C-alpha cells in the first residue's frame, strides 16, 4: 500500500476531490494556508494499493494547474523621506507537491 500526500492550490481542491471520488478513491482533505504567497492550499491524503498509484498521479496532473500570478514584493527598509515603489514580480503558482509513502499496516475501524 501507498499513502499519497498531495498539496494543491485551493482553486484546484474541489475539482481534484470530485475527480478522485468519481474514480472511487477515498480521500481526506486538510485545508491550510501558507507558503510564499500565504494563499489557501489543500492537502489530500489518499491511501491506495501499489498498482493504483499511477492512476491517482494521473488524476492529480489532469486537475491541478500551474498559473502565472503577479505579486508585489515586500518593501525594503528605507530611511525617512525616501520613496520606493517596487514593480510587481511574475511568479508561477499552482500545480501540486506530491509525496508518496509506503504503508506497512492499514486498519479501517468501523464501530
Protein backbone atom coordinates (compact mmCIF):
# COMPACT_ATOMS: atom_id res chain seq x y z
CA UNK A 1 0.00 0.00 0.00
CA UNK A 2 0.92 3.62 -0.51
CA UNK A 3 -0.14 6.82 1.22
CA UNK A 4 -0.18 9.76 -1.16
CA UNK A 5 0.05 13.30 0.22
CA UNK A 6 -0.83 15.90 -2.43
CA UNK A 7 -0.57 19.61 -1.56
CA UNK A 8 -2.54 21.61 -4.13
CA UNK A 9 -3.68 25.18 -4.59
CA UNK A 10 -7.08 25.93 -3.07
CA UNK A 11 -8.50 26.77 -6.51
CA UNK A 12 -7.90 23.16 -7.63
CA UNK A 13 -9.17 21.42 -4.48
CA UNK A 14 -12.82 20.99 -5.47
CA UNK A 15 -12.07 19.59 -8.92
CA UNK A 16 -9.43 17.21 -7.52
CA UNK A 17 -11.75 15.94 -4.79
CA UNK A 18 -14.54 15.38 -7.34
CA UNK A 19 -12.22 13.57 -9.76
CA UNK A 20 -10.84 11.29 -7.05
CA UNK A 21 -14.35 10.44 -5.81
CA UNK A 22 -15.56 9.80 -9.38
CA UNK A 23 -12.78 7.23 -9.81
CA UNK A 24 -13.64 5.57 -6.49
CA UNK A 25 -10.76 6.85 -4.34
CA UNK A 26 -11.44 7.78 -0.73
CA UNK A 27 -9.59 10.85 0.41
CA UNK A 28 -9.15 13.12 3.39
CA UNK A 29 -8.75 16.83 2.69
CA UNK A 30 -6.99 19.20 5.08
CA UNK A 31 -7.31 22.90 4.27
CA UNK A 32 -4.43 25.22 5.09
CA UNK A 33 -2.70 28.38 4.00
CA UNK A 34 0.90 29.29 3.76
CA UNK A 35 3.86 29.37 1.52
CA UNK A 36 5.36 32.37 -0.20
CA UNK A 37 2.03 33.97 -1.12
CA UNK A 38 0.09 32.92 2.01
CA UNK A 39 -2.79 31.65 -0.11
CA UNK A 40 -5.13 28.76 0.54
CA UNK A 41 -3.88 25.23 -0.02
CA UNK A 42 -5.42 21.83 0.43
CA UNK A 43 -3.58 18.66 1.39
CA UNK A 44 -5.15 15.41 0.21
CA UNK A 45 -4.35 12.10 1.88
CA UNK A 46 -5.14 9.12 -0.33
CA UNK A 47 -4.45 5.51 0.62
CA UNK A 48 -4.16 3.19 -2.40
CA UNK A 49 -2.81 -0.17 -3.46
CA UNK A 50 0.59 -0.03 -5.18
CA UNK A 51 -0.88 -0.57 -8.65
CA UNK A 52 -3.30 2.38 -8.23
CA UNK A 53 -0.59 4.96 -7.57
CA UNK A 54 -0.08 5.85 -11.23
CA UNK A 55 -3.81 6.40 -11.72
CA UNK A 56 -4.02 8.80 -8.77
CA UNK A 57 -0.99 10.71 -10.06
CA UNK A 58 -2.64 10.96 -13.48
CA UNK A 59 -5.79 12.42 -11.89
CA UNK A 60 -3.72 14.96 -9.95
CA UNK A 61 -1.87 16.02 -13.11
CA UNK A 62 -5.16 16.44 -15.01
CA UNK A 63 -6.85 18.59 -12.36
CA UNK A 64 -4.10 20.74 -10.79
CA UNK A 65 -2.83 23.57 -12.96
CA UNK A 66 0.12 25.94 -12.82
CA UNK A 67 -0.83 29.61 -13.13
CA UNK A 68 1.07 32.86 -13.53
CA UNK A 69 0.42 35.47 -10.89
CA UNK A 70 1.86 38.92 -10.23
CA UNK A 71 2.78 39.88 -6.68
CA UNK A 72 4.25 42.95 -5.12
CA UNK A 73 7.50 42.18 -3.34
CA UNK A 74 7.93 43.30 0.25
CA UNK A 75 9.00 46.88 0.63
CA UNK A 76 12.65 47.28 1.62
CA UNK A 77 13.55 49.04 4.84
CA UNK A 78 14.09 52.66 3.90
CA UNK A 79 15.16 55.85 5.56
CA UNK A 80 12.58 58.56 6.31
CA UNK A 81 11.92 60.71 3.25
CA UNK A 82 12.86 58.02 0.72
CA UNK A 83 10.25 56.76 -1.71
CA UNK A 84 10.46 53.41 -3.48
CA UNK A 85 7.63 51.58 -5.25
CA UNK A 86 8.67 48.07 -6.34
CA UNK A 87 7.39 46.61 -9.60
CA UNK A 88 5.18 43.51 -9.43
CA UNK A 89 7.03 40.23 -9.88
CA UNK A 90 5.73 37.36 -12.00
CA UNK A 91 5.62 34.00 -10.18
CA UNK A 92 4.32 30.53 -11.04
CA UNK A 93 1.74 29.15 -8.60
CA UNK A 94 -0.33 26.01 -8.50
CA UNK A 95 0.37 22.52 -9.65
CA UNK A 96 0.89 20.01 -6.87
CA UNK A 97 3.55 18.81 -4.48
CA UNK A 98 3.11 15.06 -4.10
CA UNK A 99 4.69 12.78 -1.51
CA UNK A 100 4.28 9.00 -1.73
CA UNK A 101 4.99 6.88 1.34
CA UNK A 102 4.98 3.13 1.87
CA UNK A 103 2.36 1.87 4.31
CA UNK A 104 3.33 -1.09 6.44
CA UNK A 105 -0.11 -1.51 8.03
CA UNK A 106 -3.62 -0.26 7.43
CA UNK A 107 -6.74 -0.81 9.51
CA UNK A 108 -10.17 0.64 9.00
CA UNK A 109 -12.12 0.81 12.23
CA UNK A 110 -15.88 0.73 11.90
CA UNK A 111 -17.97 0.55 15.02
